[in-house]
Amino acid sequence: MLPVLRVVLSLALVVAPVLAQNTQIPGSGCAGAPFTSAPDARVGQALSWSCPICLGTATHLTVIGVPLPALLPLQPPATCASSGTCFLACDPILVIQGASSRLPIPADPRLVGACLCAQCACYDLNFACLSVMGALQICIQP
């Protein structure tokens, strides 16, 4: 029985790095915007993320969801970008006000390989528009 356990653990260590952990979603956000950041998400731990700094009177918003099959364009006046279209990459499940947060990941091995999307935005209170940051795909690791 012990050799079988060694083989299973060895395969798990080899396969785990093959799964994409945290990947920036190309083309998401507004042109030149920084990306949302997050450490690796693991079963039984917390999913956490951090948003780039919002300037002036803007407040942080974070969309947590599943990656959209195609980027969703957002145009002014919804966005603050005078230079054109911004792109949402997450299908929202949850919208949280704040620059960072933590959500528990249940200790359920069936969640390994499941991918979420996190995308931050700054909501400008003076102009009632969004500056959308680049999105991050976060895949749960063992």
N, C-alpha and C. Protein backbone atom coordinates (compact mmCIF):
# COMPACT_ATOMS: atom_id res chain seq x y z
N MET A 1 0.82 -1.21 0.00
CA MET A 1 0.00 0.00 0.00
C MET A 1 0.85 1.26 0.00
N LEU A 2 1.97 1.23 0.72
CA LEU A 2 2.85 2.38 0.79
C LEU A 2 3.40 2.77 -0.59
N PRO A 3 3.84 1.84 -1.44
CA PRO A 3 4.30 2.25 -2.79
C PRO A 3 3.21 2.94 -3.60
N VAL A 4 1.96 2.50 -3.48
CA VAL A 4 0.86 3.13 -4.21
C VAL A 4 0.69 4.57 -3.74
N LEU A 5 0.78 4.78 -2.45
CA LEU A 5 0.66 6.13 -1.89
C LEU A 5 1.78 7.03 -2.41
N ARG A 6 2.99 6.51 -2.48
CA ARG A 6 4.12 7.28 -3.01
C ARG A 6 3.88 7.68 -4.46
N VAL A 7 3.36 6.75 -5.27
CA VAL A 7 3.09 7.05 -6.68
C VAL A 7 2.03 8.14 -6.79
N VAL A 8 0.97 8.04 -6.00
CA VAL A 8 -0.11 9.04 -6.05
C VAL A 8 0.43 10.41 -5.65
N LEU A 9 1.20 10.47 -4.56
CA LEU A 9 1.75 11.75 -4.12
C LEU A 9 2.73 12.32 -5.15
N SER A 10 3.54 11.44 -5.74
CA SER A 10 4.49 11.90 -6.76
C SER A 10 3.75 12.46 -7.97
N LEU A 11 2.69 11.78 -8.41
CA LEU A 11 1.90 12.29 -9.54
C LEU A 11 1.24 13.62 -9.20
N ALA A 12 0.75 13.75 -7.98
CA ALA A 12 0.11 15.00 -7.56
C ALA A 12 1.10 16.15 -7.61
N LEU A 13 2.33 15.90 -7.21
CA LEU A 13 3.35 16.95 -7.24
C LEU A 13 3.74 17.30 -8.67
N VAL A 14 3.72 16.34 -9.56
CA VAL A 14 4.07 16.59 -10.96
C VAL A 14 2.92 17.30 -11.67
N VAL A 15 1.69 16.89 -11.42
CA VAL A 15 0.52 17.45 -12.11
C VAL A 15 0.18 18.84 -11.61
N ALA A 16 0.32 19.10 -10.32
CA ALA A 16 -0.10 20.38 -9.74
C ALA A 16 0.52 21.58 -10.44
N PRO A 17 1.84 21.60 -10.72
CA PRO A 17 2.40 22.76 -11.39
C PRO A 17 1.90 22.94 -12.83
N VAL A 18 1.39 21.89 -13.44
CA VAL A 18 0.89 21.99 -14.81
C VAL A 18 -0.38 22.83 -14.85
N LEU A 19 -1.20 22.78 -13.79
CA LEU A 19 -2.41 23.59 -13.73
C LEU A 19 -2.01 25.07 -13.67
N ALA A 20 -2.66 25.89 -14.46
CA ALA A 20 -2.38 27.32 -14.38
C ALA A 20 -2.84 27.81 -13.01
N GLN A 21 -2.00 28.54 -12.33
CA GLN A 21 -2.36 29.02 -11.01
C GLN A 21 -3.03 30.38 -11.14
N ASN A 22 -2.25 31.42 -11.23
CA ASN A 22 -2.79 32.76 -11.42
C ASN A 22 -2.29 33.30 -12.73
N THR A 23 -3.21 33.67 -13.59
CA THR A 23 -2.84 34.11 -14.94
C THR A 23 -3.53 35.44 -15.24
N GLN A 24 -2.75 36.41 -15.70
CA GLN A 24 -3.35 37.66 -16.14
C GLN A 24 -4.17 37.39 -17.40
N ILE A 25 -5.34 38.00 -17.48
CA ILE A 25 -6.20 37.82 -18.65
C ILE A 25 -5.88 38.94 -19.63
N PRO A 26 -5.22 38.59 -20.75
CA PRO A 26 -4.78 39.61 -21.71
C PRO A 26 -5.95 40.42 -22.27
N GLY A 27 -5.72 41.73 -22.42
CA GLY A 27 -6.73 42.60 -23.01
C GLY A 27 -7.79 43.08 -22.04
N SER A 28 -7.78 42.56 -20.81
CA SER A 28 -8.80 42.97 -19.84
C SER A 28 -8.44 44.32 -19.23
N GLY A 29 -9.45 45.02 -18.73
CA GLY A 29 -9.25 46.32 -18.11
C GLY A 29 -9.20 47.43 -19.14
N CYS A 30 -8.74 48.60 -18.69
CA CYS A 30 -8.56 49.74 -19.58
C CYS A 30 -7.12 49.74 -20.07
N ALA A 31 -6.87 50.34 -21.19
CA ALA A 31 -5.52 50.36 -21.77
C ALA A 31 -4.52 50.90 -20.76
N GLY A 32 -3.44 50.14 -20.54
CA GLY A 32 -2.38 50.56 -19.63
C GLY A 32 -2.67 50.39 -18.16
N ALA A 33 -3.82 49.86 -17.80
CA ALA A 33 -4.18 49.70 -16.39
C ALA A 33 -3.38 48.56 -15.77
N PRO A 34 -3.02 48.69 -14.48
CA PRO A 34 -2.33 47.59 -13.81
C PRO A 34 -3.27 46.42 -13.57
N PHE A 35 -2.70 45.26 -13.26
CA PHE A 35 -3.48 44.07 -13.02
C PHE A 35 -3.75 43.85 -11.53
N THR A 36 -4.88 43.23 -11.25
CA THR A 36 -5.21 42.75 -9.92
C THR A 36 -4.15 41.71 -9.55
N SER A 37 -3.81 41.58 -8.28
CA SER A 37 -2.83 40.57 -7.88
C SER A 37 -3.40 39.68 -6.78
N ALA A 38 -2.90 38.45 -6.72
CA ALA A 38 -3.37 37.48 -5.73
C ALA A 38 -2.32 36.39 -5.56
N PRO A 39 -2.14 35.91 -4.33
CA PRO A 39 -1.28 34.73 -4.13
C PRO A 39 -2.01 33.48 -4.60
N ASP A 40 -1.29 32.37 -4.69
CA ASP A 40 -1.92 31.11 -5.10
C ASP A 40 -3.08 30.76 -4.17
N ALA A 41 -4.16 30.25 -4.75
CA ALA A 41 -5.33 29.83 -3.98
C ALA A 41 -5.24 28.32 -3.77
N ARG A 42 -5.42 27.89 -2.55
CA ARG A 42 -5.31 26.46 -2.22
C ARG A 42 -6.54 25.99 -1.45
N VAL A 43 -6.89 24.72 -1.68
CA VAL A 43 -8.02 24.11 -0.99
C VAL A 43 -7.81 24.22 0.52
N GLY A 44 -8.85 24.62 1.24
CA GLY A 44 -8.80 24.71 2.70
C GLY A 44 -8.16 25.99 3.21
N GLN A 45 -7.70 26.86 2.32
CA GLN A 45 -7.12 28.13 2.73
C GLN A 45 -8.04 29.26 2.27
N ALA A 46 -7.55 30.46 2.27
CA ALA A 46 -8.38 31.60 1.86
C ALA A 46 -7.95 32.10 0.49
N LEU A 47 -8.93 32.52 -0.29
CA LEU A 47 -8.68 33.23 -1.53
C LEU A 47 -8.52 34.70 -1.14
N SER A 48 -7.39 35.28 -1.50
CA SER A 48 -7.19 36.69 -1.18
C SER A 48 -6.69 37.41 -2.43
N TRP A 49 -6.88 38.71 -2.48
CA TRP A 49 -6.44 39.49 -3.62
C TRP A 49 -6.15 40.90 -3.16
N SER A 50 -5.50 41.65 -4.05
CA SER A 50 -5.13 43.02 -3.76
C SER A 50 -5.33 43.85 -5.03
N CYS A 51 -5.94 45.01 -4.86
CA CYS A 51 -6.20 45.90 -5.99
C CYS A 51 -5.14 47.00 -6.07
N PRO A 52 -4.84 47.45 -7.28
CA PRO A 52 -3.98 48.64 -7.41
C PRO A 52 -4.65 49.84 -6.74
N ILE A 53 -3.87 50.84 -6.45
CA ILE A 53 -4.35 52.03 -5.73
C ILE A 53 -5.31 52.84 -6.60
N CYS A 54 -6.40 53.30 -6.00
CA CYS A 54 -7.32 54.25 -6.64
C CYS A 54 -6.91 55.66 -6.24
N LEU A 55 -7.00 56.59 -7.16
CA LEU A 55 -6.60 57.96 -6.89
C LEU A 55 -7.79 58.84 -6.56
N GLY A 56 -7.54 59.93 -5.87
CA GLY A 56 -8.56 60.94 -5.59
C GLY A 56 -9.72 60.42 -4.77
N THR A 57 -10.92 60.70 -5.25
CA THR A 57 -12.14 60.35 -4.51
C THR A 57 -12.70 59.00 -4.94
N ALA A 58 -11.92 58.23 -5.66
CA ALA A 58 -12.41 56.94 -6.15
C ALA A 58 -12.44 55.90 -5.03
N THR A 59 -13.37 54.98 -5.13
CA THR A 59 -13.47 53.87 -4.18
C THR A 59 -13.23 52.56 -4.91
N HIS A 60 -12.65 51.60 -4.21
CA HIS A 60 -12.33 50.29 -4.80
C HIS A 60 -13.56 49.39 -4.89
N LEU A 61 -13.68 48.70 -5.99
CA LEU A 61 -14.66 47.63 -6.17
C LEU A 61 -13.92 46.41 -6.72
N THR A 62 -14.30 45.22 -6.28
CA THR A 62 -13.71 44.00 -6.82
C THR A 62 -14.83 43.09 -7.29
N VAL A 63 -14.70 42.62 -8.52
CA VAL A 63 -15.63 41.63 -9.06
C VAL A 63 -14.98 40.26 -8.92
N ILE A 64 -15.67 39.35 -8.28
CA ILE A 64 -15.24 37.95 -8.20
C ILE A 64 -16.28 37.17 -8.99
N GLY A 65 -15.83 36.35 -9.89
CA GLY A 65 -16.76 35.58 -10.72
C GLY A 65 -16.05 34.49 -11.48
N VAL A 66 -16.62 34.13 -12.59
CA VAL A 66 -15.99 33.13 -13.46
C VAL A 66 -15.53 33.86 -14.72
N PRO A 67 -14.44 33.39 -15.33
CA PRO A 67 -13.95 34.05 -16.54
C PRO A 67 -15.00 34.00 -17.66
N LEU A 68 -15.23 35.14 -18.29
CA LEU A 68 -16.14 35.21 -19.43
C LEU A 68 -15.49 34.52 -20.63
N PRO A 69 -16.28 33.91 -21.50
CA PRO A 69 -15.71 33.29 -22.71
C PRO A 69 -15.09 34.32 -23.65
N ALA A 70 -15.60 35.54 -23.61
CA ALA A 70 -15.05 36.64 -24.41
C ALA A 70 -15.13 37.91 -23.57
N LEU A 71 -14.18 38.82 -23.75
CA LEU A 71 -14.17 40.06 -22.99
C LEU A 71 -15.40 40.90 -23.31
N LEU A 72 -15.96 41.53 -22.27
CA LEU A 72 -17.15 42.37 -22.41
C LEU A 72 -16.71 43.83 -22.49
N PRO A 73 -16.97 44.52 -23.61
CA PRO A 73 -16.53 45.92 -23.73
C PRO A 73 -17.38 46.86 -22.88
N LEU A 74 -16.71 47.80 -22.24
CA LEU A 74 -17.36 48.88 -21.48
C LEU A 74 -16.84 50.18 -22.05
N GLN A 75 -17.74 51.08 -22.41
CA GLN A 75 -17.33 52.34 -23.05
C GLN A 75 -17.77 53.53 -22.22
N PRO A 76 -17.13 54.68 -22.45
CA PRO A 76 -17.59 55.89 -21.77
C PRO A 76 -19.06 56.14 -22.12
N PRO A 77 -19.86 56.64 -21.25
CA PRO A 77 -19.56 57.26 -19.97
C PRO A 77 -19.45 56.27 -18.80
N ALA A 78 -19.68 54.98 -19.02
CA ALA A 78 -19.57 54.01 -17.92
C ALA A 78 -18.13 53.93 -17.40
N THR A 79 -17.16 54.15 -18.30
CA THR A 79 -15.76 54.12 -17.89
C THR A 79 -15.18 55.53 -17.91
N CYS A 80 -14.15 55.72 -17.14
CA CYS A 80 -13.48 57.02 -17.08
C CYS A 80 -12.46 57.17 -18.19
N ALA A 81 -12.23 56.12 -18.95
CA ALA A 81 -11.19 56.12 -19.98
C ALA A 81 -11.61 56.99 -21.17
N SER A 82 -10.92 58.10 -21.33
CA SER A 82 -11.21 58.96 -22.48
C SER A 82 -10.58 58.40 -23.75
N SER A 83 -9.65 57.45 -23.54
CA SER A 83 -8.92 56.90 -24.69
C SER A 83 -9.63 55.73 -25.35
N GLY A 84 -10.81 55.34 -24.87
CA GLY A 84 -11.52 54.27 -25.55
C GLY A 84 -12.17 53.26 -24.64
N THR A 85 -12.28 52.06 -25.14
CA THR A 85 -13.03 50.99 -24.49
C THR A 85 -12.19 50.27 -23.45
N CYS A 86 -12.84 49.88 -22.35
CA CYS A 86 -12.24 49.02 -21.33
C CYS A 86 -12.95 47.67 -21.42
N PHE A 87 -12.35 46.63 -20.85
CA PHE A 87 -12.91 45.30 -21.01
C PHE A 87 -13.05 44.57 -19.67
N LEU A 88 -14.25 44.09 -19.42
CA LEU A 88 -14.54 43.27 -18.25
C LEU A 88 -14.30 41.81 -18.63
N ALA A 89 -13.60 41.08 -17.77
CA ALA A 89 -13.25 39.69 -18.07
C ALA A 89 -13.97 38.70 -17.15
N CYS A 90 -14.66 39.20 -16.12
CA CYS A 90 -15.29 38.32 -15.13
C CYS A 90 -16.81 38.41 -15.20
N ASP A 91 -17.46 37.27 -15.18
CA ASP A 91 -18.91 37.21 -15.05
C ASP A 91 -19.20 37.28 -13.55
N PRO A 92 -19.72 38.38 -13.04
CA PRO A 92 -19.80 38.60 -11.60
C PRO A 92 -20.67 37.59 -10.85
N ILE A 93 -20.11 37.08 -9.78
CA ILE A 93 -20.85 36.29 -8.80
C ILE A 93 -21.00 37.16 -7.55
N LEU A 94 -19.97 37.94 -7.29
CA LEU A 94 -19.89 38.75 -6.08
C LEU A 94 -19.16 40.04 -6.40
N VAL A 95 -19.67 41.18 -5.92
CA VAL A 95 -18.98 42.45 -6.04
C VAL A 95 -18.73 42.96 -4.63
N ILE A 96 -17.47 43.26 -4.34
CA ILE A 96 -17.07 43.64 -2.99
C ILE A 96 -16.48 45.04 -3.03
N GLN A 97 -16.87 45.89 -2.07
CA GLN A 97 -16.25 47.21 -1.98
C GLN A 97 -15.01 47.07 -1.11
N GLY A 98 -13.88 47.50 -1.63
CA GLY A 98 -12.63 47.43 -0.88
C GLY A 98 -11.48 47.03 -1.77
N ALA A 99 -10.26 47.37 -1.33
CA ALA A 99 -9.05 47.13 -2.12
C ALA A 99 -8.50 45.72 -1.96
N SER A 100 -8.89 45.05 -0.90
CA SER A 100 -8.42 43.68 -0.69
C SER A 100 -9.40 42.97 0.23
N SER A 101 -9.38 41.66 0.15
CA SER A 101 -10.26 40.87 1.00
C SER A 101 -9.83 39.42 0.96
N ARG A 102 -10.50 38.61 1.77
CA ARG A 102 -10.22 37.17 1.82
C ARG A 102 -11.55 36.42 1.88
N LEU A 103 -11.63 35.35 1.12
CA LEU A 103 -12.79 34.47 1.14
C LEU A 103 -12.29 33.05 1.40
N PRO A 104 -12.93 32.32 2.31
CA PRO A 104 -12.47 30.95 2.59
C PRO A 104 -12.75 30.01 1.41
N ILE A 105 -11.80 29.11 1.16
CA ILE A 105 -11.98 28.05 0.17
C ILE A 105 -12.22 26.76 0.95
N PRO A 106 -13.36 26.12 0.78
CA PRO A 106 -13.64 24.89 1.53
C PRO A 106 -12.56 23.82 1.29
N ALA A 107 -12.35 22.98 2.27
CA ALA A 107 -11.36 21.90 2.17
C ALA A 107 -11.98 20.73 1.40
N ASP A 108 -12.36 20.98 0.16
CA ASP A 108 -12.99 19.98 -0.69
C ASP A 108 -12.10 19.75 -1.91
N PRO A 109 -11.49 18.56 -2.01
CA PRO A 109 -10.56 18.31 -3.11
C PRO A 109 -11.20 18.40 -4.50
N ARG A 110 -12.52 18.35 -4.58
CA ARG A 110 -13.19 18.49 -5.88
C ARG A 110 -13.03 19.89 -6.46
N LEU A 111 -12.62 20.85 -5.62
CA LEU A 111 -12.43 22.23 -6.08
C LEU A 111 -11.11 22.45 -6.81
N VAL A 112 -10.19 21.50 -6.69
CA VAL A 112 -8.89 21.64 -7.35
C VAL A 112 -9.10 21.77 -8.87
N GLY A 113 -8.49 22.78 -9.43
CA GLY A 113 -8.62 23.03 -10.87
C GLY A 113 -9.75 23.98 -11.23
N ALA A 114 -10.66 24.25 -10.28
CA ALA A 114 -11.72 25.23 -10.55
C ALA A 114 -11.09 26.61 -10.66
N CYS A 115 -11.56 27.40 -11.60
CA CYS A 115 -10.97 28.72 -11.82
C CYS A 115 -11.99 29.82 -11.59
N LEU A 116 -11.54 30.85 -10.90
CA LEU A 116 -12.32 32.06 -10.67
C LEU A 116 -11.62 33.21 -11.35
N CYS A 117 -12.30 34.32 -11.36
CA CYS A 117 -11.76 35.53 -11.97
C CYS A 117 -11.89 36.65 -10.95
N ALA A 118 -10.86 37.46 -10.82
CA ALA A 118 -10.90 38.65 -9.95
C ALA A 118 -10.51 39.86 -10.79
N GLN A 119 -11.33 40.90 -10.70
CA GLN A 119 -11.02 42.12 -11.45
C GLN A 119 -11.41 43.33 -10.61
N CYS A 120 -10.45 44.20 -10.39
CA CYS A 120 -10.68 45.40 -9.59
C CYS A 120 -11.07 46.57 -10.48
N ALA A 121 -11.73 47.53 -9.87
CA ALA A 121 -12.07 48.77 -10.55
C ALA A 121 -12.08 49.88 -9.51
N CYS A 122 -11.89 51.09 -9.98
CA CYS A 122 -12.02 52.26 -9.13
C CYS A 122 -13.26 53.02 -9.61
N TYR A 123 -14.17 53.25 -8.69
CA TYR A 123 -15.38 54.00 -9.03
C TYR A 123 -15.15 55.45 -8.61
N ASP A 124 -15.11 56.34 -9.57
CA ASP A 124 -14.88 57.76 -9.30
C ASP A 124 -16.19 58.40 -8.85
N LEU A 125 -16.21 58.86 -7.61
CA LEU A 125 -17.43 59.43 -7.02
C LEU A 125 -17.80 60.77 -7.66
N ASN A 126 -16.82 61.52 -8.15
CA ASN A 126 -17.11 62.82 -8.76
C ASN A 126 -17.69 62.70 -10.16
N PHE A 127 -17.19 61.75 -10.94
CA PHE A 127 -17.60 61.64 -12.34
C PHE A 127 -18.51 60.45 -12.61
N ALA A 128 -18.78 59.63 -11.59
CA ALA A 128 -19.66 58.46 -11.70
C ALA A 128 -19.25 57.55 -12.87
N CYS A 129 -17.95 57.17 -12.85
CA CYS A 129 -17.44 56.29 -13.90
C CYS A 129 -16.42 55.32 -13.29
N LEU A 130 -16.09 54.28 -14.05
CA LEU A 130 -15.17 53.23 -13.60
C LEU A 130 -13.84 53.29 -14.33
N SER A 131 -12.76 53.07 -13.59
CA SER A 131 -11.44 52.77 -14.15
C SER A 131 -11.23 51.29 -13.87
N VAL A 132 -11.22 50.47 -14.92
CA VAL A 132 -11.21 49.02 -14.77
C VAL A 132 -9.77 48.50 -14.88
N MET A 133 -9.36 47.71 -13.90
CA MET A 133 -8.01 47.13 -13.89
C MET A 133 -7.99 45.82 -14.68
N GLY A 134 -6.81 45.34 -14.97
CA GLY A 134 -6.66 44.06 -15.62
C GLY A 134 -7.12 42.93 -14.71
N ALA A 135 -7.71 41.90 -15.29
CA ALA A 135 -8.27 40.78 -14.50
C ALA A 135 -7.24 39.66 -14.33
N LEU A 136 -7.49 38.86 -13.33
CA LEU A 136 -6.63 37.73 -13.00
C LEU A 136 -7.49 36.48 -12.91
N GLN A 137 -7.09 35.43 -13.64
CA GLN A 137 -7.75 34.13 -13.49
C GLN A 137 -7.01 33.39 -12.38
N ILE A 138 -7.75 32.91 -11.40
CA ILE A 138 -7.18 32.24 -10.24
C ILE A 138 -7.71 30.81 -10.22
N CYS A 139 -6.82 29.83 -10.39
CA CYS A 139 -7.21 28.42 -10.37
C CYS A 139 -6.79 27.80 -9.05
N ILE A 140 -7.72 27.11 -8.42
CA ILE A 140 -7.49 26.53 -7.09
C ILE A 140 -6.55 25.33 -7.19
N GLN A 141 -5.56 25.35 -6.32
CA GLN A 141 -4.52 24.33 -6.26
C GLN A 141 -4.80 23.37 -5.08
N PRO A 142 -4.15 22.19 -5.11
CA PRO A 142 -4.34 21.26 -3.98
C PRO A 142 -3.76 21.80 -2.69
